[in-house]
């Protein structure tokens, strides 16, 4: 009788332990499944975040601004070779480029080549360079952006009348700039203009907004 009772207790203990093991196994499976769901949720959240960041970046680059790097010294000493700038593109969706704006535009003869120059002549105006002076519609243009007096007027030695969508641009380093005086660049069409220089972010000691006036 005593042995039967002991066997019964052993069986109950074994069943209890087995039940505990099964419950533990089920709990571990639940935890594993929960962890899988958490990992999947984290991946989905990461993908959503990446998509949002990409979308915002795309919108900023397309409609607001983008980074650009100055190559060469044609805009010295306003801008220097190696300067990193943020290009602002939004304002030209509401108004046209203005005289003395520093703009970035596509070079028509080379794919993915961009120039940065200052707007001198506006659509419909007649531009001519006589000596070292710039004339707009026969009147001398009062400006002091040039690093040095102009030495070569090139095609602007003769009057150049701009079309209704054309701009005459020049580098501030007048004697070391390929600009609208050169036949290769010539008049810049409105459709070529990407935006205007807005903020210098490099080098660190020159960080600040770009003055256009």
N, C-alpha and C. Protein backbone atom coordinates (compact mmCIF):
# COMPACT_ATOMS: atom_id res chain seq x y z
N UNK A 1 0.83 -1.21 0.00
CA UNK A 1 0.00 0.00 0.00
C UNK A 1 0.86 1.26 0.00
N UNK A 2 1.85 1.18 0.82
CA UNK A 2 2.79 2.31 0.94
C UNK A 2 3.52 2.50 -0.38
N UNK A 3 3.88 1.38 -1.05
CA UNK A 3 4.60 1.46 -2.32
C UNK A 3 3.69 2.05 -3.41
N UNK A 4 2.41 1.62 -3.41
CA UNK A 4 1.47 2.17 -4.39
C UNK A 4 1.30 3.68 -4.23
N UNK A 5 1.25 4.11 -2.98
CA UNK A 5 1.11 5.55 -2.69
C UNK A 5 2.34 6.30 -3.20
N UNK A 6 3.52 5.70 -2.96
CA UNK A 6 4.77 6.34 -3.40
C UNK A 6 4.82 6.44 -4.92
N UNK A 7 4.39 5.33 -5.58
CA UNK A 7 4.37 5.34 -7.05
C UNK A 7 3.41 6.42 -7.57
N UNK A 8 2.30 6.55 -6.91
CA UNK A 8 1.31 7.56 -7.33
C UNK A 8 1.85 8.97 -7.18
N UNK A 9 2.53 9.19 -6.05
CA UNK A 9 3.12 10.52 -5.80
C UNK A 9 4.22 10.81 -6.81
N UNK A 10 5.00 9.75 -7.14
CA UNK A 10 6.07 9.94 -8.14
C UNK A 10 5.48 10.30 -9.51
N UNK A 11 4.37 9.60 -9.84
CA UNK A 11 3.72 9.87 -11.12
C UNK A 11 3.18 11.30 -11.16
N UNK A 12 2.57 11.71 -10.05
CA UNK A 12 2.03 13.07 -9.98
C UNK A 12 3.14 14.10 -10.10
N UNK A 13 4.26 13.81 -9.42
CA UNK A 13 5.39 14.73 -9.47
C UNK A 13 5.94 14.83 -10.89
N UNK A 14 6.02 13.63 -11.53
CA UNK A 14 6.53 13.59 -12.90
C UNK A 14 5.60 14.36 -13.84
N UNK A 15 4.29 14.17 -13.64
CA UNK A 15 3.32 14.89 -14.47
C UNK A 15 3.41 16.40 -14.25
N UNK A 16 3.58 16.76 -12.97
CA UNK A 16 3.70 18.19 -12.63
C UNK A 16 4.93 18.80 -13.28
N UNK A 17 6.07 18.07 -13.16
CA UNK A 17 7.32 18.56 -13.76
C UNK A 17 7.19 18.66 -15.28
N UNK A 18 6.53 17.64 -15.85
CA UNK A 18 6.35 17.63 -17.30
C UNK A 18 5.47 18.81 -17.73
N UNK A 19 4.42 19.06 -16.94
CA UNK A 19 3.53 20.18 -17.24
C UNK A 19 4.27 21.51 -17.13
N UNK A 20 5.14 21.59 -16.10
CA UNK A 20 5.94 22.81 -15.93
C UNK A 20 6.89 23.01 -17.10
N UNK A 21 7.51 21.90 -17.55
CA UNK A 21 8.42 21.98 -18.70
C UNK A 21 7.68 22.43 -19.95
N UNK A 22 6.47 21.85 -20.13
CA UNK A 22 5.67 22.22 -21.30
C UNK A 22 5.26 23.70 -21.26
N UNK A 23 4.88 24.13 -20.05
CA UNK A 23 4.50 25.54 -19.90
C UNK A 23 5.69 26.47 -20.14
N UNK A 24 6.86 26.02 -19.64
CA UNK A 24 8.09 26.79 -19.85
C UNK A 24 8.42 26.88 -21.34
N UNK A 25 8.23 25.74 -22.03
CA UNK A 25 8.51 25.69 -23.47
C UNK A 25 7.55 26.60 -24.23
N UNK A 26 6.25 26.56 -23.83
CA UNK A 26 5.28 27.44 -24.47
C UNK A 26 5.60 28.91 -24.22
N UNK A 27 6.04 29.21 -22.99
CA UNK A 27 6.41 30.58 -22.64
C UNK A 27 7.60 31.06 -23.46
N UNK A 28 8.57 30.16 -23.63
CA UNK A 28 9.75 30.51 -24.43
C UNK A 28 9.36 30.75 -25.89
N UNK A 29 8.42 29.93 -26.40
CA UNK A 29 7.95 30.13 -27.77
C UNK A 29 7.22 31.46 -27.91
N UNK A 30 6.39 31.79 -26.88
CA UNK A 30 5.68 33.06 -26.90
C UNK A 30 6.66 34.23 -26.89
N UNK A 31 7.71 34.10 -26.05
CA UNK A 31 8.72 35.15 -25.99
C UNK A 31 9.47 35.29 -27.31
N UNK A 32 9.80 34.11 -27.91
CA UNK A 32 10.53 34.13 -29.19
C UNK A 32 9.67 34.78 -30.27
N UNK A 33 8.37 34.42 -30.28
CA UNK A 33 7.47 34.99 -31.28
C UNK A 33 7.30 36.49 -31.05
N UNK A 34 7.24 36.89 -29.77
CA UNK A 34 7.12 38.31 -29.45
C UNK A 34 8.36 39.08 -29.88
N UNK A 35 9.53 38.44 -29.64
CA UNK A 35 10.79 39.07 -30.05
C UNK A 35 10.85 39.20 -31.57
N UNK A 36 10.37 38.16 -32.28
CA UNK A 36 10.34 38.23 -33.74
C UNK A 36 9.45 39.38 -34.20
N UNK A 37 8.29 39.51 -33.54
CA UNK A 37 7.38 40.61 -33.88
C UNK A 37 8.03 41.96 -33.60
N UNK A 38 8.76 42.04 -32.46
CA UNK A 38 9.43 43.30 -32.11
C UNK A 38 10.51 43.65 -33.14
N UNK A 39 11.27 42.61 -33.54
CA UNK A 39 12.32 42.83 -34.55
C UNK A 39 11.71 43.28 -35.86
N UNK A 40 10.62 42.60 -36.26
CA UNK A 40 9.92 42.95 -37.50
C UNK A 40 9.36 44.37 -37.42
N UNK A 41 8.80 44.70 -36.25
CA UNK A 41 8.26 46.05 -36.06
C UNK A 41 9.36 47.09 -36.14
N UNK A 42 10.53 46.78 -35.51
CA UNK A 42 11.66 47.71 -35.56
C UNK A 42 12.15 47.90 -37.00
N UNK A 43 12.19 46.80 -37.75
CA UNK A 43 12.63 46.89 -39.15
C UNK A 43 11.66 47.76 -39.96
N UNK A 44 10.35 47.52 -39.74
CA UNK A 44 9.34 48.30 -40.45
C UNK A 44 9.44 49.78 -40.08
N UNK A 45 9.61 50.06 -38.77
CA UNK A 45 9.76 51.44 -38.32
C UNK A 45 10.99 52.10 -38.93
N UNK A 46 12.09 51.31 -39.01
CA UNK A 46 13.33 51.83 -39.60
C UNK A 46 13.13 52.15 -41.08
N UNK A 47 12.43 51.25 -41.78
CA UNK A 47 12.17 51.47 -43.20
C UNK A 47 11.28 52.70 -43.41
N UNK A 48 10.27 52.85 -42.54
CA UNK A 48 9.39 54.01 -42.63
C UNK A 48 10.18 55.29 -42.38
N UNK A 49 11.05 55.25 -41.34
CA UNK A 49 11.88 56.42 -41.01
C UNK A 49 12.80 56.77 -42.17
N UNK A 50 13.43 55.72 -42.75
CA UNK A 50 14.35 55.94 -43.88
C UNK A 50 13.60 56.54 -45.07
N UNK A 51 12.38 56.04 -45.30
CA UNK A 51 11.58 56.55 -46.42
C UNK A 51 11.21 58.02 -46.19
N UNK A 52 10.87 58.36 -44.94
CA UNK A 52 10.53 59.75 -44.62
C UNK A 52 11.74 60.65 -44.81
N UNK A 53 12.90 60.20 -44.28
CA UNK A 53 14.14 60.99 -44.43
C UNK A 53 14.48 61.18 -45.90
N UNK A 54 14.39 60.08 -46.66
CA UNK A 54 14.68 60.15 -48.10
C UNK A 54 13.71 61.12 -48.80
N UNK A 55 12.43 61.01 -48.44
CA UNK A 55 11.44 61.87 -49.06
C UNK A 55 11.67 63.34 -48.75
N UNK A 56 11.97 63.63 -47.48
CA UNK A 56 12.23 65.02 -47.08
C UNK A 56 13.49 65.53 -47.78
N UNK A 57 14.54 64.69 -47.81
CA UNK A 57 15.78 65.08 -48.47
C UNK A 57 15.54 65.36 -49.95
N UNK A 58 14.77 64.49 -50.59
CA UNK A 58 14.45 64.68 -52.01
C UNK A 58 13.71 65.99 -52.24
N UNK A 59 12.73 66.27 -51.38
CA UNK A 59 11.96 67.50 -51.53
C UNK A 59 12.84 68.73 -51.31
N UNK A 60 13.73 68.64 -50.30
CA UNK A 60 14.63 69.77 -50.03
C UNK A 60 15.56 70.02 -51.21
N UNK A 61 16.18 68.93 -51.71
CA UNK A 61 17.12 69.06 -52.82
C UNK A 61 16.41 69.55 -54.08
N UNK A 62 15.19 69.07 -54.29
CA UNK A 62 14.46 69.41 -55.51
C UNK A 62 13.88 70.81 -55.47
N UNK A 63 13.31 71.20 -54.33
CA UNK A 63 12.55 72.45 -54.29
C UNK A 63 13.16 73.54 -53.41
N UNK A 64 14.00 73.20 -52.46
CA UNK A 64 14.48 74.19 -51.50
C UNK A 64 15.95 74.52 -51.68
N UNK A 65 16.81 73.55 -51.49
CA UNK A 65 18.23 73.85 -51.59
C UNK A 65 19.07 72.59 -51.63
N UNK A 66 20.33 72.77 -52.00
CA UNK A 66 21.26 71.66 -52.03
C UNK A 66 22.67 72.17 -51.82
N UNK A 67 23.58 71.26 -51.50
CA UNK A 67 24.97 71.64 -51.27
C UNK A 67 25.71 71.71 -52.60
N UNK A 68 26.60 72.69 -52.70
CA UNK A 68 27.45 72.80 -53.88
C UNK A 68 28.83 73.27 -53.45
N UNK A 69 29.82 72.99 -54.27
CA UNK A 69 31.21 73.34 -53.94
C UNK A 69 31.77 74.25 -55.01
N UNK A 70 32.41 75.33 -54.56
CA UNK A 70 33.03 76.28 -55.49
C UNK A 70 34.33 75.69 -56.01
N UNK A 71 34.46 75.67 -57.32
CA UNK A 71 35.68 75.17 -57.95
C UNK A 71 36.31 76.29 -58.77
N UNK A 72 37.49 76.74 -58.37
CA UNK A 72 38.14 77.84 -59.06
C UNK A 72 37.98 79.15 -58.32
N UNK A 73 38.62 80.19 -58.85
CA UNK A 73 38.65 81.49 -58.18
C UNK A 73 37.94 82.59 -58.97
N UNK A 74 37.01 82.22 -59.84
CA UNK A 74 36.35 83.23 -60.67
C UNK A 74 35.47 84.18 -59.85
N UNK A 75 35.06 83.76 -58.63
CA UNK A 75 34.24 84.62 -57.79
C UNK A 75 35.03 85.21 -56.62
N UNK A 76 36.35 85.06 -56.66
CA UNK A 76 37.19 85.62 -55.59
C UNK A 76 37.11 87.15 -55.64
N UNK A 77 37.05 87.87 -54.55
CA UNK A 77 37.24 87.35 -53.21
C UNK A 77 35.93 87.21 -52.44
N UNK A 78 34.81 87.25 -53.17
CA UNK A 78 33.51 86.99 -52.53
C UNK A 78 33.42 85.53 -52.12
N UNK A 79 33.79 84.63 -53.03
CA UNK A 79 33.83 83.20 -52.78
C UNK A 79 35.19 82.68 -53.21
N UNK A 80 35.65 81.63 -52.53
CA UNK A 80 36.98 81.09 -52.81
C UNK A 80 36.89 79.63 -53.25
N UNK A 81 37.93 79.19 -53.92
CA UNK A 81 38.02 77.79 -54.34
C UNK A 81 37.90 76.88 -53.12
N UNK A 82 37.02 75.90 -53.20
CA UNK A 82 36.83 74.95 -52.10
C UNK A 82 35.72 75.32 -51.14
N UNK A 83 35.16 76.52 -51.25
CA UNK A 83 34.04 76.89 -50.39
C UNK A 83 32.87 75.93 -50.63
N UNK A 84 32.24 75.49 -49.54
CA UNK A 84 31.04 74.66 -49.63
C UNK A 84 29.83 75.53 -49.31
N UNK A 85 28.86 75.51 -50.21
CA UNK A 85 27.70 76.38 -50.07
C UNK A 85 26.41 75.59 -50.05
N UNK A 86 25.39 76.18 -49.44
CA UNK A 86 24.03 75.69 -49.60
C UNK A 86 23.36 76.58 -50.63
N UNK A 87 22.86 75.95 -51.65
CA UNK A 87 22.19 76.65 -52.75
C UNK A 87 20.70 76.73 -52.46
N UNK A 88 20.15 77.93 -52.53
CA UNK A 88 18.73 78.14 -52.25
C UNK A 88 17.96 78.22 -53.56
N UNK A 89 16.94 77.38 -53.70
CA UNK A 89 16.21 77.29 -54.97
C UNK A 89 14.75 77.71 -54.88
N UNK A 90 14.27 77.94 -53.66
CA UNK A 90 12.83 78.17 -53.48
C UNK A 90 12.39 79.56 -53.95
N UNK A 91 13.18 80.59 -53.64
CA UNK A 91 12.73 81.96 -53.91
C UNK A 91 12.51 82.22 -55.39
N UNK A 92 13.29 81.56 -56.26
CA UNK A 92 13.13 81.79 -57.70
C UNK A 92 11.87 81.13 -58.25
N UNK A 93 11.13 80.44 -57.41
CA UNK A 93 9.83 79.93 -57.82
C UNK A 93 8.76 81.02 -57.67
N UNK A 94 9.13 82.10 -56.95
CA UNK A 94 8.18 83.18 -56.71
C UNK A 94 8.58 84.49 -57.39
N UNK A 95 9.87 84.65 -57.68
CA UNK A 95 10.30 85.84 -58.40
C UNK A 95 11.54 85.52 -59.23
N UNK A 96 11.84 86.39 -60.17
CA UNK A 96 12.96 86.16 -61.08
C UNK A 96 14.28 86.59 -60.43
N UNK A 97 15.40 86.06 -60.92
CA UNK A 97 16.71 86.50 -60.41
C UNK A 97 16.86 88.02 -60.56
N UNK A 98 17.53 88.63 -59.59
CA UNK A 98 17.72 90.07 -59.59
C UNK A 98 19.17 90.42 -59.87
N UNK A 99 19.38 91.67 -60.25
CA UNK A 99 20.74 92.11 -60.52
C UNK A 99 21.61 91.96 -59.26
N UNK A 100 22.80 91.45 -59.46
CA UNK A 100 23.83 91.22 -58.44
C UNK A 100 23.60 89.94 -57.63
N UNK A 101 22.53 89.20 -57.92
CA UNK A 101 22.38 87.87 -57.30
C UNK A 101 23.55 86.99 -57.73
N UNK A 102 24.05 86.19 -56.80
CA UNK A 102 25.07 85.18 -57.13
C UNK A 102 24.33 83.89 -57.41
N UNK A 103 24.37 83.46 -58.67
CA UNK A 103 23.55 82.32 -59.09
C UNK A 103 24.42 81.15 -59.55
N UNK A 104 23.84 79.97 -59.44
CA UNK A 104 24.45 78.76 -60.00
C UNK A 104 23.61 78.35 -61.21
N UNK A 105 24.28 78.07 -62.32
CA UNK A 105 23.55 77.69 -63.54
C UNK A 105 24.27 76.56 -64.26
N UNK A 106 23.51 75.84 -65.05
CA UNK A 106 24.06 74.72 -65.83
C UNK A 106 24.82 75.25 -67.04
N UNK A 107 25.99 74.67 -67.27
CA UNK A 107 26.77 75.00 -68.46
C UNK A 107 26.23 74.15 -69.61
N UNK A 108 25.83 74.80 -70.69
CA UNK A 108 25.11 74.10 -71.76
C UNK A 108 25.96 73.09 -72.51
N UNK A 109 27.28 73.27 -72.53
CA UNK A 109 28.12 72.43 -73.38
C UNK A 109 28.74 71.23 -72.67
N UNK A 110 28.54 71.13 -71.35
CA UNK A 110 29.10 69.99 -70.61
C UNK A 110 28.06 69.47 -69.63
N UNK A 111 27.79 68.18 -69.74
CA UNK A 111 26.80 67.57 -68.85
C UNK A 111 27.30 67.59 -67.41
N UNK A 112 26.40 67.90 -66.49
CA UNK A 112 26.69 67.91 -65.06
C UNK A 112 27.76 68.93 -64.69
N UNK A 113 27.92 69.98 -65.49
CA UNK A 113 28.85 71.07 -65.15
C UNK A 113 28.04 72.31 -64.80
N UNK A 114 28.38 72.91 -63.66
CA UNK A 114 27.66 74.09 -63.18
C UNK A 114 28.64 75.24 -62.95
N UNK A 115 28.19 76.45 -63.22
CA UNK A 115 28.99 77.65 -62.98
C UNK A 115 28.31 78.48 -61.89
N UNK A 116 29.12 79.27 -61.19
CA UNK A 116 28.57 80.21 -60.21
C UNK A 116 29.10 81.60 -60.55
N UNK A 117 28.19 82.52 -60.81
CA UNK A 117 28.54 83.88 -61.23
C UNK A 117 27.55 84.88 -60.64
N UNK A 118 27.83 86.16 -60.90
CA UNK A 118 26.94 87.22 -60.43
C UNK A 118 26.12 87.77 -61.61
N UNK A 119 24.83 87.98 -61.37
CA UNK A 119 23.96 88.53 -62.40
C UNK A 119 24.28 90.02 -62.60
N UNK A 120 24.57 90.39 -63.85
CA UNK A 120 24.88 91.78 -64.18
C UNK A 120 23.78 92.39 -65.05
N UNK A 121 23.40 91.68 -66.10
CA UNK A 121 22.37 92.18 -67.00
C UNK A 121 21.09 91.36 -66.91
N UNK A 122 19.95 92.04 -67.00
CA UNK A 122 18.64 91.39 -66.87
C UNK A 122 17.96 91.27 -68.23
N UNK A 123 16.94 90.41 -68.33
CA UNK A 123 16.24 90.21 -69.60
C UNK A 123 15.80 91.52 -70.26
N UNK A 124 16.05 91.60 -71.57
CA UNK A 124 15.63 92.77 -72.33
C UNK A 124 16.63 93.92 -72.31
N UNK A 125 17.63 93.87 -71.43
CA UNK A 125 18.60 94.95 -71.34
C UNK A 125 19.71 94.79 -72.39
N UNK A 126 20.39 95.89 -72.66
CA UNK A 126 21.55 95.86 -73.54
C UNK A 126 22.80 96.11 -72.71
N UNK A 127 23.74 95.18 -72.79
CA UNK A 127 24.96 95.24 -71.99
C UNK A 127 26.15 95.51 -72.90
N UNK A 128 27.03 96.38 -72.45
CA UNK A 128 28.27 96.64 -73.18
C UNK A 128 29.36 97.01 -72.18
N UNK A 129 30.57 96.59 -72.47
CA UNK A 129 31.72 96.95 -71.64
C UNK A 129 32.63 97.86 -72.46
N UNK A 130 32.85 99.05 -71.93
CA UNK A 130 33.74 100.01 -72.58
C UNK A 130 34.86 100.33 -71.60
N UNK A 131 36.08 100.01 -72.00
CA UNK A 131 37.20 100.13 -71.07
C UNK A 131 37.00 99.14 -69.94
N UNK A 132 36.93 99.64 -68.72
CA UNK A 132 36.68 98.76 -67.57
C UNK A 132 35.29 98.98 -66.98
N UNK A 133 34.47 99.74 -67.69
CA UNK A 133 33.14 100.06 -67.19
C UNK A 133 32.06 99.23 -67.88
N UNK A 134 31.04 98.87 -67.11
CA UNK A 134 29.90 98.12 -67.63
C UNK A 134 28.75 99.09 -67.87
N UNK A 135 28.16 99.02 -69.04
CA UNK A 135 27.03 99.88 -69.38
C UNK A 135 25.77 99.03 -69.55
N UNK A 136 24.68 99.50 -68.95
CA UNK A 136 23.37 98.87 -69.10
C UNK A 136 22.45 99.87 -69.78
N UNK A 137 21.97 99.52 -70.97
CA UNK A 137 21.10 100.41 -71.75
C UNK A 137 21.74 101.80 -71.93
N UNK A 138 23.05 101.78 -72.14
CA UNK A 138 23.76 103.03 -72.41
C UNK A 138 24.19 103.81 -71.19
N UNK A 139 23.83 103.34 -70.00
CA UNK A 139 24.20 104.04 -68.77
C UNK A 139 25.18 103.19 -67.97
N UNK A 140 26.18 103.85 -67.39
CA UNK A 140 27.20 103.12 -66.64
C UNK A 140 26.57 102.46 -65.41
N UNK A 141 26.96 101.24 -65.15
CA UNK A 141 26.43 100.48 -64.00
C UNK A 141 27.30 100.77 -62.78
N UNK A 142 26.66 101.29 -61.75
CA UNK A 142 27.39 101.58 -60.51
C UNK A 142 27.50 100.28 -59.70
N UNK A 143 28.69 99.74 -59.63
CA UNK A 143 28.93 98.51 -58.86
C UNK A 143 30.40 98.43 -58.52
N UNK A 144 30.70 97.73 -57.44
CA UNK A 144 32.10 97.62 -57.01
C UNK A 144 32.44 96.18 -56.62
N UNK A 145 31.84 95.23 -57.32
CA UNK A 145 32.07 93.83 -57.00
C UNK A 145 33.35 93.29 -57.64
N UNK A 146 33.81 93.92 -58.69
CA UNK A 146 34.98 93.43 -59.39
C UNK A 146 36.24 93.51 -58.54
N UNK A 147 37.01 92.43 -58.55
CA UNK A 147 38.27 92.41 -57.80
C UNK A 147 39.26 93.39 -58.41
N UNK A 148 39.28 93.46 -59.73
CA UNK A 148 40.19 94.34 -60.46
C UNK A 148 39.44 94.96 -61.64
N UNK A 149 39.95 96.05 -62.20
CA UNK A 149 39.33 96.61 -63.40
C UNK A 149 39.34 95.59 -64.54
N UNK A 150 38.28 95.61 -65.33
CA UNK A 150 38.16 94.68 -66.46
C UNK A 150 39.23 94.98 -67.50
N UNK A 151 39.94 93.94 -67.92
CA UNK A 151 40.98 94.10 -68.94
C UNK A 151 40.51 93.67 -70.32
N UNK A 152 39.56 92.75 -70.38
CA UNK A 152 39.13 92.22 -71.68
C UNK A 152 37.60 92.09 -71.70
N UNK A 153 36.98 92.90 -72.54
CA UNK A 153 35.52 92.86 -72.65
C UNK A 153 35.03 91.69 -73.49
N UNK A 154 35.90 91.15 -74.34
CA UNK A 154 35.56 90.03 -75.23
C UNK A 154 34.31 90.37 -76.05
N UNK A 155 33.31 89.49 -76.08
CA UNK A 155 32.15 89.74 -76.93
C UNK A 155 31.31 90.93 -76.46
N UNK A 156 31.52 91.34 -75.19
CA UNK A 156 30.76 92.48 -74.66
C UNK A 156 31.35 93.82 -75.08
N UNK A 157 32.42 93.79 -75.87
CA UNK A 157 32.95 95.04 -76.41
C UNK A 157 31.92 95.67 -77.35
N UNK A 158 31.07 94.83 -77.91
CA UNK A 158 29.95 95.29 -78.72
C UNK A 158 28.66 95.14 -77.91
N UNK A 159 27.66 95.97 -78.15
CA UNK A 159 26.41 95.88 -77.39
C UNK A 159 25.77 94.49 -77.53
N UNK A 160 25.34 93.94 -76.41
CA UNK A 160 24.67 92.64 -76.38
C UNK A 160 23.26 92.86 -75.82
N UNK A 161 22.27 92.63 -76.65
CA UNK A 161 20.89 92.77 -76.18
C UNK A 161 20.37 91.40 -75.75
N UNK A 162 19.93 91.34 -74.51
CA UNK A 162 19.49 90.07 -73.92
C UNK A 162 18.05 89.76 -74.32
N UNK A 163 17.78 88.47 -74.51
CA UNK A 163 16.43 88.04 -74.79
C UNK A 163 15.55 88.15 -73.55
N UNK A 164 14.27 87.87 -73.71
CA UNK A 164 13.32 88.01 -72.60
C UNK A 164 13.52 86.96 -71.51
N UNK A 165 14.35 85.96 -71.77
CA UNK A 165 14.61 84.95 -70.74
C UNK A 165 16.12 84.79 -70.53
N UNK A 166 16.89 85.85 -70.83
CA UNK A 166 18.35 85.74 -70.77
C UNK A 166 18.95 86.71 -69.75
N UNK A 167 20.09 86.26 -69.18
CA UNK A 167 20.82 87.06 -68.20
C UNK A 167 22.29 87.14 -68.61
N UNK A 168 22.91 88.26 -68.28
CA UNK A 168 24.34 88.43 -68.50
C UNK A 168 25.02 88.30 -67.15
N UNK A 169 25.93 87.35 -67.03
CA UNK A 169 26.57 87.07 -65.74
C UNK A 169 28.08 87.24 -65.85
N UNK A 170 28.70 87.59 -64.71
CA UNK A 170 30.15 87.74 -64.67
C UNK A 170 30.67 87.25 -63.32
N UNK A 171 31.93 86.82 -63.32
CA UNK A 171 32.60 86.49 -62.06
C UNK A 171 33.15 87.75 -61.44
N UNK A 172 33.23 87.78 -60.11
CA UNK A 172 33.79 88.96 -59.43
C UNK A 172 35.28 89.13 -59.73
N UNK A 173 35.96 88.02 -59.97
CA UNK A 173 37.37 88.06 -60.37
C UNK A 173 37.39 88.24 -61.89
N UNK A 174 37.12 89.44 -62.33
CA UNK A 174 36.79 89.74 -63.72
C UNK A 174 37.84 89.27 -64.73
N UNK A 175 39.10 89.24 -64.31
CA UNK A 175 40.17 88.87 -65.24
C UNK A 175 40.57 87.40 -65.14
N UNK A 176 39.81 86.64 -64.37
CA UNK A 176 40.06 85.20 -64.26
C UNK A 176 38.72 84.48 -64.19
N UNK A 177 37.84 84.81 -65.12
CA UNK A 177 36.49 84.25 -65.09
C UNK A 177 36.00 83.97 -66.50
N UNK A 178 35.46 82.78 -66.69
CA UNK A 178 34.78 82.43 -67.93
C UNK A 178 33.30 82.69 -67.70
N UNK A 179 32.76 83.70 -68.35
CA UNK A 179 31.39 84.12 -68.08
C UNK A 179 30.70 84.59 -69.36
N UNK A 180 29.69 85.42 -69.23
CA UNK A 180 28.89 85.81 -70.41
C UNK A 180 29.68 86.59 -71.45
N UNK A 181 30.87 87.04 -71.10
CA UNK A 181 31.72 87.70 -72.10
C UNK A 181 32.27 86.69 -73.09
N UNK A 182 32.33 85.42 -72.67
CA UNK A 182 32.89 84.37 -73.52
C UNK A 182 31.80 83.73 -74.37
N UNK A 183 32.08 83.49 -75.65
CA UNK A 183 31.08 82.85 -76.52
C UNK A 183 30.64 81.48 -76.01
N UNK A 184 31.53 80.75 -75.32
CA UNK A 184 31.18 79.41 -74.83
C UNK A 184 30.10 79.46 -73.76
N UNK A 185 30.11 80.53 -72.97
CA UNK A 185 29.10 80.68 -71.91
C UNK A 185 27.94 81.52 -72.43
N UNK A 186 28.29 82.70 -72.95
CA UNK A 186 27.32 83.62 -73.55
C UNK A 186 26.19 83.98 -72.58
N UNK A 187 25.05 84.33 -73.13
CA UNK A 187 23.91 84.71 -72.30
C UNK A 187 23.34 83.47 -71.62
N UNK A 188 22.96 83.63 -70.37
CA UNK A 188 22.44 82.50 -69.59
C UNK A 188 20.92 82.55 -69.61
N UNK A 189 20.30 81.49 -70.04
CA UNK A 189 18.84 81.43 -70.09
C UNK A 189 18.28 81.15 -68.69
N UNK A 190 17.07 81.62 -68.47
CA UNK A 190 16.42 81.43 -67.17
C UNK A 190 16.34 79.95 -66.81
N UNK A 191 16.10 79.11 -67.80
CA UNK A 191 15.96 77.67 -67.54
C UNK A 191 17.26 77.03 -67.07
N UNK A 192 18.40 77.69 -67.32
CA UNK A 192 19.69 77.15 -66.89
C UNK A 192 19.95 77.41 -65.41
N UNK A 193 19.32 78.44 -64.86
CA UNK A 193 19.60 78.87 -63.49
C UNK A 193 18.95 77.91 -62.50
N UNK A 194 19.78 77.36 -61.62
CA UNK A 194 19.31 76.39 -60.63
C UNK A 194 18.86 77.07 -59.35
N UNK A 195 19.60 78.08 -58.92
CA UNK A 195 19.29 78.78 -57.68
C UNK A 195 20.38 79.77 -57.36
N UNK A 196 20.33 80.33 -56.16
CA UNK A 196 21.35 81.30 -55.78
C UNK A 196 22.08 80.86 -54.52
N UNK A 197 23.33 81.33 -54.41
CA UNK A 197 24.14 81.00 -53.24
C UNK A 197 23.47 81.60 -52.01
N UNK A 198 23.34 80.78 -50.97
CA UNK A 198 22.60 81.21 -49.78
C UNK A 198 23.45 81.19 -48.52
N UNK A 199 24.13 80.07 -48.28
CA UNK A 199 24.85 79.90 -47.02
C UNK A 199 26.17 79.20 -47.26
N UNK A 200 27.24 79.75 -46.69
CA UNK A 200 28.54 79.08 -46.76
C UNK A 200 28.70 78.23 -45.50
N UNK A 201 28.96 76.93 -45.69
CA UNK A 201 29.08 76.02 -44.54
C UNK A 201 30.51 75.51 -44.35
N UNK A 202 31.40 75.84 -45.27
CA UNK A 202 32.81 75.45 -45.16
C UNK A 202 33.64 76.41 -45.98
N UNK A 203 34.80 76.83 -45.45
CA UNK A 203 35.45 76.43 -44.20
C UNK A 203 34.76 77.02 -42.97
N UNK A 204 35.08 76.42 -41.82
CA UNK A 204 34.39 76.77 -40.59
C UNK A 204 34.56 78.23 -40.22
N UNK A 205 35.73 78.79 -40.51
CA UNK A 205 35.97 80.19 -40.12
C UNK A 205 35.27 81.19 -41.04
N UNK A 206 34.57 80.69 -42.06
CA UNK A 206 33.85 81.58 -42.98
C UNK A 206 32.37 81.23 -43.07
N UNK A 207 31.89 80.45 -42.11
CA UNK A 207 30.47 80.07 -42.11
C UNK A 207 29.60 81.33 -42.02
N UNK A 208 28.58 81.39 -42.84
CA UNK A 208 27.67 82.53 -42.78
C UNK A 208 26.85 82.67 -44.05
N UNK A 209 25.86 83.54 -44.00
CA UNK A 209 25.01 83.78 -45.16
C UNK A 209 25.77 84.58 -46.21
N UNK A 210 25.47 84.32 -47.48
CA UNK A 210 26.12 85.00 -48.59
C UNK A 210 25.42 86.32 -48.86
N UNK A 211 26.18 87.40 -48.88
CA UNK A 211 25.62 88.71 -49.18
C UNK A 211 25.61 88.92 -50.69
N UNK A 212 24.48 89.35 -51.22
CA UNK A 212 24.35 89.59 -52.66
C UNK A 212 24.35 91.07 -53.00
N UNK A 213 24.38 91.91 -51.99
CA UNK A 213 24.32 93.35 -52.23
C UNK A 213 25.48 94.07 -51.54
